[in-house]
């Protein structure tokens, strides 16, 4: 939609309702991806903790990941702020990187953090990786759009 005032350049604006719908959809995509990440990590945590009861344990790391992902998902839903999108991108991208690296690279234990090498893909692991990838990309889009809309609103 184009609007202009006498003596000014035409300004291109988007209908407010469409912008709000797009923002809500983007928030839902990011939050849903993080929610899948959280649920999968919570479901898998007990089995991984039993496999390594020493140190921090992979199960406890999975629980921490689940809690952080869930909290960031709520933050994205509630605020949709640049900070929320940045945190979501960090959580989702780091979780995706971790699952891919631990699938293909045998990283040794680092102090109390166990080696998490697991050279297989299975349903829940794949679902988590896909959801993390989608959430990371959607969060990046949200971050870029929120940056652009803020810079465009300056005089």
C-alpha atoms as a PDB file:
ATOM      1  CA  UNK A   1       0.000   0.000   0.000  1.00  0.00           C
ATOM      2  CA  UNK A   2       1.343   3.434  -0.953  1.00  0.00           C
ATOM      3  CA  UNK A   3       0.596   6.527   1.039  1.00  0.00           C
ATOM      4  CA  UNK A   4       1.932  10.025   0.669  1.00  0.00           C
ATOM      5  CA  UNK A   5       1.448  13.428   2.124  1.00  0.00           C
ATOM      6  CA  UNK A   6       1.582  16.609   0.094  1.00  0.00           C
ATOM      7  CA  UNK A   7       5.172  17.661  -0.414  1.00  0.00           C
ATOM      8  CA  UNK A   8       6.652  14.300   0.670  1.00  0.00           C
ATOM      9  CA  UNK A   9       7.885  11.180  -1.069  1.00  0.00           C
ATOM     10  CA  UNK A  10       5.471   8.242  -1.253  1.00  0.00           C
ATOM     11  CA  UNK A  11       5.916   5.782   1.609  1.00  0.00           C
ATOM     12  CA  UNK A  12       5.349   2.056   1.128  1.00  0.00           C
ATOM     13  CA  UNK A  13       3.620   0.467   4.094  1.00  0.00           C
ATOM     14  CA  UNK A  14       2.377  -3.047   4.775  1.00  0.00           C
ATOM     15  CA  UNK A  15      -1.045  -3.654   6.210  1.00  0.00           C
ATOM     16  CA  UNK A  16      -0.711  -3.990   9.961  1.00  0.00           C
ATOM     17  CA  UNK A  17      -2.839  -7.140  10.131  1.00  0.00           C
ATOM     18  CA  UNK A  18      -0.638  -8.997   7.621  1.00  0.00           C
ATOM     19  CA  UNK A  19       2.495  -8.004   9.502  1.00  0.00           C
ATOM     20  CA  UNK A  20       1.044  -9.218  12.782  1.00  0.00           C
ATOM     21  CA  UNK A  21      -0.021 -12.537  11.260  1.00  0.00           C
ATOM     22  CA  UNK A  22       3.438 -13.068   9.746  1.00  0.00           C
ATOM     23  CA  UNK A  23       5.095 -12.196  13.053  1.00  0.00           C
ATOM     24  CA  UNK A  24       2.834 -14.584  14.965  1.00  0.00           C
ATOM     25  CA  UNK A  25       3.496 -17.370  12.448  1.00  0.00           C
ATOM     26  CA  UNK A  26       7.243 -16.850  12.684  1.00  0.00           C
ATOM     27  CA  UNK A  27       7.117 -16.907  16.484  1.00  0.00           C
ATOM     28  CA  UNK A  28       5.108 -20.137  16.383  1.00  0.00           C
ATOM     29  CA  UNK A  29       7.567 -21.817  14.013  1.00  0.00           C
ATOM     30  CA  UNK A  30      10.534 -20.896  16.212  1.00  0.00           C
ATOM     31  CA  UNK A  31       8.747 -21.922  19.414  1.00  0.00           C
ATOM     32  CA  UNK A  32       7.511 -25.199  17.901  1.00  0.00           C
ATOM     33  CA  UNK A  33      11.020 -26.133  16.780  1.00  0.00           C
ATOM     34  CA  UNK A  34      12.390 -25.401  20.227  1.00  0.00           C
ATOM     35  CA  UNK A  35       9.508 -27.312  21.829  1.00  0.00           C
ATOM     36  CA  UNK A  36      10.295 -30.418  19.773  1.00  0.00           C
ATOM     37  CA  UNK A  37      13.936 -30.029  20.803  1.00  0.00           C
ATOM     38  CA  UNK A  38      12.924 -29.804  24.474  1.00  0.00           C
ATOM     39  CA  UNK A  39      10.522 -32.755  24.401  1.00  0.00           C
ATOM     40  CA  UNK A  40      12.974 -35.054  22.621  1.00  0.00           C
ATOM     41  CA  UNK A  41      15.784 -34.169  25.002  1.00  0.00           C
ATOM     42  CA  UNK A  42      13.554 -34.726  28.051  1.00  0.00           C
ATOM     43  CA  UNK A  43      12.398 -38.109  26.730  1.00  0.00           C
ATOM     44  CA  UNK A  44      15.921 -39.296  25.972  1.00  0.00           C
ATOM     45  CA  UNK A  45      17.622 -37.946  29.120  1.00  0.00           C
ATOM     46  CA  UNK A  46      16.939 -40.843  31.519  1.00  0.00           C
ATOM     47  CA  UNK A  47      18.469 -43.465  29.215  1.00  0.00           C
ATOM     48  CA  UNK A  48      21.575 -41.421  28.575  1.00  0.00           C
ATOM     49  CA  UNK A  49      22.108 -40.718  32.264  1.00  0.00           C
ATOM     50  CA  UNK A  50      22.011 -44.441  33.033  1.00  0.00           C
ATOM     51  CA  UNK A  51      24.649 -45.040  30.372  1.00  0.00           C
ATOM     52  CA  UNK A  52      27.030 -42.583  32.067  1.00  0.00           C
ATOM     53  CA  UNK A  53      26.356 -42.046  35.775  1.00  0.00           C
ATOM     54  CA  UNK A  54      29.729 -40.314  36.376  1.00  0.00           C
ATOM     55  CA  UNK A  55      30.499 -36.635  36.022  1.00  0.00           C
ATOM     56  CA  UNK A  56      27.766 -34.338  34.752  1.00  0.00           C
ATOM     57  CA  UNK A  57      26.292 -37.058  32.596  1.00  0.00           C
ATOM     58  CA  UNK A  58      24.770 -36.784  29.153  1.00  0.00           C
ATOM     59  CA  UNK A  59      21.271 -37.150  30.592  1.00  0.00           C
ATOM     60  CA  UNK A  60      21.747 -34.072  32.752  1.00  0.00           C
ATOM     61  CA  UNK A  61      23.095 -32.146  29.757  1.00  0.00           C
ATOM     62  CA  UNK A  62      19.953 -33.198  27.861  1.00  0.00           C
ATOM     63  CA  UNK A  63      17.785 -31.927  30.726  1.00  0.00           C
ATOM     64  CA  UNK A  64      19.569 -28.568  30.751  1.00  0.00           C
ATOM     65  CA  UNK A  65      19.126 -28.308  26.951  1.00  0.00           C
ATOM     66  CA  UNK A  66      15.421 -29.091  27.326  1.00  0.00           C
ATOM     67  CA  UNK A  67      14.849 -26.450  29.996  1.00  0.00           C
ATOM     68  CA  UNK A  68      16.788 -23.768  28.113  1.00  0.00           C
ATOM     69  CA  UNK A  69      14.971 -24.569  24.840  1.00  0.00           C
ATOM     70  CA  UNK A  70      11.576 -24.426  26.580  1.00  0.00           C
ATOM     71  CA  UNK A  71      12.332 -21.116  28.308  1.00  0.00           C
ATOM     72  CA  UNK A  72      13.592 -19.512  25.106  1.00  0.00           C
ATOM     73  CA  UNK A  73      10.536 -20.812  23.224  1.00  0.00           C
ATOM     74  CA  UNK A  74       8.309 -19.064  25.783  1.00  0.00           C
ATOM     75  CA  UNK A  75      10.368 -15.884  25.498  1.00  0.00           C
ATOM     76  CA  UNK A  76       9.957 -15.888  21.717  1.00  0.00           C
ATOM     77  CA  UNK A  77       6.193 -16.439  22.016  1.00  0.00           C
ATOM     78  CA  UNK A  78       5.716 -13.750  24.637  1.00  0.00           C
ATOM     79  CA  UNK A  79       8.022 -11.012  23.354  1.00  0.00           C
ATOM     80  CA  UNK A  80       9.156 -11.695  19.798  1.00  0.00           C
ATOM     81  CA  UNK A  81      12.054  -9.377  20.584  1.00  0.00           C
ATOM     82  CA  UNK A  82      15.424  -9.280  18.863  1.00  0.00           C
ATOM     83  CA  UNK A  83      16.960 -10.724  22.026  1.00  0.00           C
ATOM     84  CA  UNK A  84      14.472 -13.603  22.014  1.00  0.00           C
ATOM     85  CA  UNK A  85      15.197 -14.388  18.359  1.00  0.00           C
ATOM     86  CA  UNK A  86      18.948 -14.164  18.975  1.00  0.00           C
ATOM     87  CA  UNK A  87      18.722 -16.542  21.930  1.00  0.00           C
ATOM     88  CA  UNK A  88      16.506 -18.916  19.949  1.00  0.00           C
ATOM     89  CA  UNK A  89      18.959 -18.933  17.078  1.00  0.00           C
ATOM     90  CA  UNK A  90      21.819 -19.659  19.474  1.00  0.00           C
ATOM     91  CA  UNK A  91      20.013 -22.471  21.264  1.00  0.00           C
ATOM     92  CA  UNK A  92      18.704 -24.127  18.105  1.00  0.00           C
ATOM     93  CA  UNK A  93      21.932 -23.774  16.104  1.00  0.00           C
ATOM     94  CA  UNK A  94      24.113 -25.032  18.952  1.00  0.00           C
ATOM     95  CA  UNK A  95      21.823 -28.023  19.524  1.00  0.00           C
ATOM     96  CA  UNK A  96      21.884 -28.853  15.814  1.00  0.00           C
ATOM     97  CA  UNK A  97      25.660 -28.522  15.717  1.00  0.00           C
ATOM     98  CA  UNK A  98      25.990 -30.785  18.761  1.00  0.00           C
ATOM     99  CA  UNK A  99      23.804 -33.540  17.317  1.00  0.00           C
ATOM    100  CA  UNK A 100      25.601 -33.469  13.959  1.00  0.00           C
ATOM    101  CA  UNK A 101      29.086 -33.373  15.491  1.00  0.00           C
ATOM    102  CA  UNK A 102      28.346 -36.174  17.967  1.00  0.00           C
ATOM    103  CA  UNK A 103      26.978 -38.255  15.106  1.00  0.00           C
ATOM    104  CA  UNK A 104      30.041 -37.963  12.876  1.00  0.00           C
ATOM    105  CA  UNK A 105      32.968 -37.084  15.184  1.00  0.00           C
ATOM    106  CA  UNK A 106      34.178 -39.037  18.186  1.00  0.00           C
ATOM    107  CA  UNK A 107      34.871 -36.185  20.582  1.00  0.00           C
ATOM    108  CA  UNK A 108      36.536 -37.430  23.792  1.00  0.00           C
ATOM    109  CA  UNK A 109      35.266 -36.629  27.266  1.00  0.00           C
ATOM    110  CA  UNK A 110      36.172 -33.117  28.379  1.00  0.00           C
ATOM    111  CA  UNK A 111      36.537 -33.094  32.150  1.00  0.00           C
ATOM    112  CA  UNK A 112      33.154 -33.921  33.677  1.00  0.00           C
ATOM    113  CA  UNK A 113      31.443 -33.737  30.254  1.00  0.00           C
ATOM    114  CA  UNK A 114      31.230 -37.240  28.776  1.00  0.00           C
ATOM    115  CA  UNK A 115      32.023 -38.289  25.237  1.00  0.00           C
ATOM    116  CA  UNK A 116      28.713 -38.223  23.394  1.00  0.00           C
ATOM    117  CA  UNK A 117      29.675 -39.997  20.185  1.00  0.00           C
ATOM    118  CA  UNK A 118      26.684 -41.860  18.780  1.00  0.00           C
ATOM    119  CA  UNK A 119      27.212 -42.893  15.136  1.00  0.00           C
ATOM    120  CA  UNK A 120      23.566 -43.584  14.310  1.00  0.00           C
ATOM    121  CA  UNK A 121      20.435 -41.693  13.337  1.00  0.00           C
ATOM    122  CA  UNK A 122      17.070 -42.729  14.780  1.00  0.00           C
ATOM    123  CA  UNK A 123      13.590 -41.227  14.714  1.00  0.00           C
ATOM    124  CA  UNK A 124      13.703 -38.943  17.737  1.00  0.00           C
ATOM    125  CA  UNK A 125      17.250 -37.794  17.029  1.00  0.00           C
ATOM    126  CA  UNK A 126      16.335 -36.995  13.427  1.00  0.00           C
ATOM    127  CA  UNK A 127      13.144 -35.179  14.465  1.00  0.00           C
ATOM    128  CA  UNK A 128      15.119 -33.099  16.939  1.00  0.00           C
ATOM    129  CA  UNK A 129      17.774 -32.207  14.350  1.00  0.00           C
ATOM    130  CA  UNK A 130      15.163 -31.186  11.762  1.00  0.00           C
ATOM    131  CA  UNK A 131      13.233 -29.112  14.320  1.00  0.00           C
ATOM    132  CA  UNK A 132      16.441 -27.427  15.502  1.00  0.00           C
ATOM    133  CA  UNK A 133      17.397 -26.570  11.930  1.00  0.00           C
ATOM    134  CA  UNK A 134      13.990 -25.103  11.171  1.00  0.00           C
ATOM    135  CA  UNK A 135      13.976 -23.155  14.444  1.00  0.00           C
ATOM    136  CA  UNK A 136      17.469 -21.780  13.787  1.00  0.00           C
ATOM    137  CA  UNK A 137      16.591 -20.575  10.292  1.00  0.00           C
ATOM    138  CA  UNK A 138      13.247 -19.119  11.415  1.00  0.00           C
ATOM    139  CA  UNK A 139      14.941 -17.364  14.351  1.00  0.00           C
ATOM    140  CA  UNK A 140      17.523 -15.893  11.968  1.00  0.00           C
ATOM    141  CA  UNK A 141      14.692 -14.610   9.754  1.00  0.00           C
ATOM    142  CA  UNK A 142      12.991 -13.108  12.818  1.00  0.00           C
ATOM    143  CA  UNK A 143      16.226 -11.493  13.908  1.00  0.00           C
ATOM    144  CA  UNK A 144      16.852 -10.020  10.458  1.00  0.00           C
ATOM    145  CA  UNK A 145      13.284  -8.767  10.098  1.00  0.00           C
ATOM    146  CA  UNK A 146      13.278  -7.197  13.550  1.00  0.00           C
ATOM    147  CA  UNK A 147      16.594  -5.496  12.758  1.00  0.00           C
ATOM    148  CA  UNK A 148      15.293  -4.210   9.431  1.00  0.00           C
ATOM    149  CA  UNK A 149      11.995  -2.969  10.844  1.00  0.00           C
ATOM    150  CA  UNK A 150      13.807  -1.093  13.596  1.00  0.00           C
ATOM    151  CA  UNK A 151      16.290   0.510  11.253  1.00  0.00           C
ATOM    152  CA  UNK A 152      13.454   1.394   8.865  1.00  0.00           C
ATOM    153  CA  UNK A 153      11.483   3.126  11.598  1.00  0.00           C
ATOM    154  CA  UNK A 154      14.212   5.630  12.399  1.00  0.00           C
ATOM    155  CA  UNK A 155      13.770   9.137  11.033  1.00  0.00           C
END
